[in-house]
Amino acid sequence: MAYKISDACICCGTCEGQCPVGAISMGDGKFEIDESKCVSCGSCAGACPVGAIESD
């Protein structure tokens, strides 16, 4: 189950640095997770300071 970044994202970039497989990058106004690369480890969700990342 991949993770998703909601509109609550503040574009701080913390999640991108926490992803061990490089599945997170800046998208259209917020960071986005590439579902094909996501290994559902949850590292990004645990690091997000505003709780913008949830399991899909």
PDB file of N, CA and C in Angstrom:
ATOM      1  N   MET A   1       0.846  -1.184   0.000  1.00  0.00           N
ATOM      2  CA  MET A   1       0.000   0.000   0.000  1.00  0.00           C
ATOM      3  C   MET A   1       0.889   1.244   0.000  1.00  0.00           C
ATOM      4  N   ALA A   2       0.789   2.031  -1.027  1.00  0.00           N
ATOM      5  CA  ALA A   2       1.600   3.238  -1.150  1.00  0.00           C
ATOM      6  C   ALA A   2       1.044   4.359  -0.272  1.00  0.00           C
ATOM      7  N   TYR A   3       1.865   5.349  -0.058  1.00  0.00           N
ATOM      8  CA  TYR A   3       1.474   6.523   0.712  1.00  0.00           C
ATOM      9  C   TYR A   3       1.129   7.660  -0.233  1.00  0.00           C
ATOM     10  N   LYS A   4       0.344   8.610   0.257  1.00  0.00           N
ATOM     11  CA  LYS A   4      -0.056   9.786  -0.509  1.00  0.00           C
ATOM     12  C   LYS A   4       0.231  11.027   0.325  1.00  0.00           C
ATOM     13  N   ILE A   5       0.551  12.126  -0.353  1.00  0.00           N
ATOM     14  CA  ILE A   5       0.773  13.397   0.312  1.00  0.00           C
ATOM     15  C   ILE A   5      -0.436  14.278   0.038  1.00  0.00           C
ATOM     16  N   SER A   6      -1.069  14.747   1.096  1.00  0.00           N
ATOM     17  CA  SER A   6      -2.292  15.549   0.963  1.00  0.00           C
ATOM     18  C   SER A   6      -1.964  17.015   0.692  1.00  0.00           C
ATOM     19  N   ASP A   7      -3.016  17.797   0.505  1.00  0.00           N
ATOM     20  CA  ASP A   7      -2.864  19.235   0.271  1.00  0.00           C
ATOM     21  C   ASP A   7      -2.365  19.980   1.505  1.00  0.00           C
ATOM     22  N   ALA A   8      -2.258  19.292   2.629  1.00  0.00           N
ATOM     23  CA  ALA A   8      -1.728  19.909   3.844  1.00  0.00           C
ATOM     24  C   ALA A   8      -0.205  20.083   3.767  1.00  0.00           C
ATOM     25  N   CYS A   9       0.407  19.534   2.724  1.00  0.00           N
ATOM     26  CA  CYS A   9       1.863  19.617   2.532  1.00  0.00           C
ATOM     27  C   CYS A   9       2.324  21.072   2.532  1.00  0.00           C
ATOM     28  N   ILE A  10       3.378  21.360   3.313  1.00  0.00           N
ATOM     29  CA  ILE A  10       3.926  22.715   3.385  1.00  0.00           C
ATOM     30  C   ILE A  10       5.238  22.835   2.590  1.00  0.00           C
ATOM     31  N   CYS A  11       5.570  21.813   1.817  1.00  0.00           N
ATOM     32  CA  CYS A  11       6.749  21.806   0.936  1.00  0.00           C
ATOM     33  C   CYS A  11       8.066  22.020   1.674  1.00  0.00           C
ATOM     34  N   CYS A  12       8.188  21.424   2.848  1.00  0.00           N
ATOM     35  CA  CYS A  12       9.420  21.587   3.618  1.00  0.00           C
ATOM     36  C   CYS A  12      10.537  20.658   3.125  1.00  0.00           C
ATOM     37  N   GLY A  13      10.169  19.567   2.441  1.00  0.00           N
ATOM     38  CA  GLY A  13      11.162  18.660   1.889  1.00  0.00           C
ATOM     39  C   GLY A  13      11.656  17.581   2.836  1.00  0.00           C
ATOM     40  N   THR A  14      11.168  17.566   4.046  1.00  0.00           N
ATOM     41  CA  THR A  14      11.617  16.572   5.025  1.00  0.00           C
ATOM     42  C   THR A  14      11.362  15.153   4.528  1.00  0.00           C
ATOM     43  N   CYS A  15      10.207  14.925   3.954  1.00  0.00           N
ATOM     44  CA  CYS A  15       9.841  13.586   3.489  1.00  0.00           C
ATOM     45  C   CYS A  15      10.783  13.092   2.400  1.00  0.00           C
ATOM     46  N   GLU A  16      11.167  13.973   1.494  1.00  0.00           N
ATOM     47  CA  GLU A  16      12.039  13.592   0.385  1.00  0.00           C
ATOM     48  C   GLU A  16      13.363  13.034   0.915  1.00  0.00           C
ATOM     49  N   GLY A  17      13.905  13.682   1.934  1.00  0.00           N
ATOM     50  CA  GLY A  17      15.164  13.237   2.514  1.00  0.00           C
ATOM     51  C   GLY A  17      15.045  11.943   3.300  1.00  0.00           C
ATOM     52  N   GLN A  18      13.851  11.614   3.771  1.00  0.00           N
ATOM     53  CA  GLN A  18      13.638  10.417   4.569  1.00  0.00           C
ATOM     54  C   GLN A  18      13.362   9.166   3.730  1.00  0.00           C
ATOM     55  N   CYS A  19      12.983   9.333   2.475  1.00  0.00           N
ATOM     56  CA  CYS A  19      12.609   8.186   1.641  1.00  0.00           C
ATOM     57  C   CYS A  19      13.836   7.384   1.226  1.00  0.00           C
ATOM     58  N   PRO A  20      13.916   6.113   1.634  1.00  0.00           N
ATOM     59  CA  PRO A  20      15.097   5.298   1.336  1.00  0.00           C
ATOM     60  C   PRO A  20      15.182   4.836  -0.121  1.00  0.00           C
ATOM     61  N   VAL A  21      14.100   4.987  -0.878  1.00  0.00           N
ATOM     62  CA  VAL A  21      14.099   4.522  -2.275  1.00  0.00           C
ATOM     63  C   VAL A  21      13.935   5.651  -3.283  1.00  0.00           C
ATOM     64  N   GLY A  22      13.963   6.893  -2.831  1.00  0.00           N
ATOM     65  CA  GLY A  22      13.870   8.034  -3.722  1.00  0.00           C
ATOM     66  C   GLY A  22      12.541   8.169  -4.449  1.00  0.00           C
ATOM     67  N   ALA A  23      11.462   7.794  -3.776  1.00  0.00           N
ATOM     68  CA  ALA A  23      10.139   7.829  -4.403  1.00  0.00           C
ATOM     69  C   ALA A  23       9.448   9.184  -4.294  1.00  0.00           C
ATOM     70  N   ILE A  24      10.044  10.135  -3.581  1.00  0.00           N
ATOM     71  CA  ILE A  24       9.400  11.427  -3.360  1.00  0.00           C
ATOM     72  C   ILE A  24      10.149  12.535  -4.087  1.00  0.00           C
ATOM     73  N   SER A  25       9.389  13.367  -4.795  1.00  0.00           N
ATOM     74  CA  SER A  25       9.976  14.504  -5.491  1.00  0.00           C
ATOM     75  C   SER A  25       8.964  15.649  -5.522  1.00  0.00           C
ATOM     76  N   MET A  26       9.454  16.846  -5.838  1.00  0.00           N
ATOM     77  CA  MET A  26       8.577  18.003  -5.908  1.00  0.00           C
ATOM     78  C   MET A  26       7.691  17.885  -7.139  1.00  0.00           C
ATOM     79  N   GLY A  27       6.398  18.073  -6.921  1.00  0.00           N
ATOM     80  CA  GLY A  27       5.436  18.010  -8.012  1.00  0.00           C
ATOM     81  C   GLY A  27       4.846  19.379  -8.262  1.00  0.00           C
ATOM     82  N   ASP A  28       3.581  19.422  -8.538  1.00  0.00           N
ATOM     83  CA  ASP A  28       2.883  20.661  -8.845  1.00  0.00           C
ATOM     84  C   ASP A  28       2.412  21.349  -7.559  1.00  0.00           C
ATOM     85  N   GLY A  29       3.290  22.123  -6.945  1.00  0.00           N
ATOM     86  CA  GLY A  29       2.936  22.864  -5.738  1.00  0.00           C
ATOM     87  C   GLY A  29       3.079  22.098  -4.439  1.00  0.00           C
ATOM     88  N   LYS A  30       3.406  20.818  -4.510  1.00  0.00           N
ATOM     89  CA  LYS A  30       3.645  20.011  -3.308  1.00  0.00           C
ATOM     90  C   LYS A  30       4.502  18.815  -3.695  1.00  0.00           C
ATOM     91  N   PHE A  31       5.002  18.143  -2.696  1.00  0.00           N
ATOM     92  CA  PHE A  31       5.777  16.944  -2.967  1.00  0.00           C
ATOM     93  C   PHE A  31       4.828  15.801  -3.323  1.00  0.00           C
ATOM     94  N   GLU A  32       5.308  14.876  -4.153  1.00  0.00           N
ATOM     95  CA  GLU A  32       4.499  13.747  -4.591  1.00  0.00           C
ATOM     96  C   GLU A  32       5.284  12.451  -4.427  1.00  0.00           C
ATOM     97  N   ILE A  33       4.551  11.367  -4.231  1.00  0.00           N
ATOM     98  CA  ILE A  33       5.161  10.050  -4.068  1.00  0.00           C
ATOM     99  C   ILE A  33       4.884   9.215  -5.309  1.00  0.00           C
ATOM    100  N   ASP A  34       5.935   8.665  -5.897  1.00  0.00           N
ATOM    101  CA  ASP A  34       5.808   7.783  -7.054  1.00  0.00           C
ATOM    102  C   ASP A  34       5.384   6.410  -6.530  1.00  0.00           C
ATOM    103  N   GLU A  35       4.132   6.043  -6.775  1.00  0.00           N
ATOM    104  CA  GLU A  35       3.586   4.788  -6.250  1.00  0.00           C
ATOM    105  C   GLU A  35       4.346   3.564  -6.732  1.00  0.00           C
ATOM    106  N   SER A  36       4.939   3.636  -7.913  1.00  0.00           N
ATOM    107  CA  SER A  36       5.663   2.480  -8.440  1.00  0.00           C
ATOM    108  C   SER A  36       6.989   2.251  -7.722  1.00  0.00           C
ATOM    109  N   LYS A  37       7.504   3.286  -7.064  1.00  0.00           N
ATOM    110  CA  LYS A  37       8.761   3.165  -6.314  1.00  0.00           C
ATOM    111  C   LYS A  37       8.540   2.972  -4.817  1.00  0.00           C
ATOM    112  N   CYS A  38       7.403   3.431  -4.297  1.00  0.00           N
ATOM    113  CA  CYS A  38       7.123   3.392  -2.859  1.00  0.00           C
ATOM    114  C   CYS A  38       7.105   1.954  -2.335  1.00  0.00           C
ATOM    115  N   VAL A  39       7.830   1.717  -1.243  1.00  0.00           N
ATOM    116  CA  VAL A  39       7.872   0.390  -0.628  1.00  0.00           C
ATOM    117  C   VAL A  39       7.045   0.343   0.660  1.00  0.00           C
ATOM    118  N   SER A  40       6.251   1.363   0.891  1.00  0.00           N
ATOM    119  CA  SER A  40       5.333   1.442   2.036  1.00  0.00           C
ATOM    120  C   SER A  40       6.012   1.275   3.384  1.00  0.00           C
ATOM    121  N   CYS A  41       7.197   1.857   3.523  1.00  0.00           N
ATOM    122  CA  CYS A  41       7.924   1.736   4.788  1.00  0.00           C
ATOM    123  C   CYS A  41       7.408   2.703   5.852  1.00  0.00           C
ATOM    124  N   GLY A  42       6.795   3.824   5.428  1.00  0.00           N
ATOM    125  CA  GLY A  42       6.253   4.788   6.376  1.00  0.00           C
ATOM    126  C   GLY A  42       7.246   5.804   6.909  1.00  0.00           C
ATOM    127  N   SER A  43       8.479   5.768   6.435  1.00  0.00           N
ATOM    128  CA  SER A  43       9.484   6.717   6.919  1.00  0.00           C
ATOM    129  C   SER A  43       9.068   8.157   6.676  1.00  0.00           C
ATOM    130  N   CYS A  44       8.475   8.406   5.535  1.00  0.00           N
ATOM    131  CA  CYS A  44       8.053   9.768   5.197  1.00  0.00           C
ATOM    132  C   CYS A  44       6.936  10.248   6.115  1.00  0.00           C
ATOM    133  N   ALA A  45       5.974   9.383   6.361  1.00  0.00           N
ATOM    134  CA  ALA A  45       4.834   9.748   7.205  1.00  0.00           C
ATOM    135  C   ALA A  45       5.292  10.091   8.624  1.00  0.00           C
ATOM    136  N   GLY A  46       6.239   9.329   9.127  1.00  0.00           N
ATOM    137  CA  GLY A  46       6.751   9.578  10.468  1.00  0.00           C
ATOM    138  C   GLY A  46       7.549  10.867  10.569  1.00  0.00           C
ATOM    139  N   ALA A  47       8.113  11.311   9.452  1.00  0.00           N
ATOM    140  CA  ALA A  47       8.955  12.502   9.448  1.00  0.00           C
ATOM    141  C   ALA A  47       8.186  13.779   9.163  1.00  0.00           C
ATOM    142  N   CYS A  48       7.012  13.671   8.573  1.00  0.00           N
ATOM    143  CA  CYS A  48       6.255  14.867   8.171  1.00  0.00           C
ATOM    144  C   CYS A  48       5.817  15.672   9.393  1.00  0.00           C
ATOM    145  N   PRO A  49       6.230  16.948   9.470  1.00  0.00           N
ATOM    146  CA  PRO A  49       5.902  17.763  10.644  1.00  0.00           C
ATOM    147  C   PRO A  49       4.435  18.195  10.729  1.00  0.00           C
ATOM    148  N   VAL A  50       3.687  18.070   9.627  1.00  0.00           N
ATOM    149  CA  VAL A  50       2.287  18.502   9.628  1.00  0.00           C
ATOM    150  C   VAL A  50       1.320  17.352   9.385  1.00  0.00           C
ATOM    151  N   GLY A  51       1.814  16.129   9.344  1.00  0.00           N
ATOM    152  CA  GLY A  51       0.940  14.970   9.160  1.00  0.00           C
ATOM    153  C   GLY A  51       0.239  14.919   7.806  1.00  0.00           C
ATOM    154  N   ALA A  52       0.932  15.404   6.767  1.00  0.00           N
ATOM    155  CA  ALA A  52       0.325  15.467   5.439  1.00  0.00           C
ATOM    156  C   ALA A  52       0.425  14.154   4.663  1.00  0.00           C
ATOM    157  N   ILE A  53       1.103  13.155   5.221  1.00  0.00           N
ATOM    158  CA  ILE A  53       1.302  11.907   4.494  1.00  0.00           C
ATOM    159  C   ILE A  53       0.505  10.780   5.160  1.00  0.00           C
ATOM    160  N   GLU A  54      -0.310  10.116   4.351  1.00  0.00           N
ATOM    161  CA  GLU A  54      -1.171   9.048   4.846  1.00  0.00           C
ATOM    162  C   GLU A  54      -1.072   7.835   3.949  1.00  0.00           C
ATOM    163  N   SER A  55      -1.337   6.649   4.503  1.00  0.00           N
ATOM    164  CA  SER A  55      -1.349   5.450   3.668  1.00  0.00           C
ATOM    165  C   SER A  55      -2.579   5.483   2.773  1.00  0.00           C
ATOM    166  N   ASP A  56      -2.402   4.997   1.572  1.00  0.00           N
ATOM    167  CA  ASP A  56      -3.463   5.033   0.576  1.00  0.00           C
ATOM    168  C   ASP A  56      -4.423   3.878   0.748  1.00  0.00           C
TER     169      ASP A  56
END
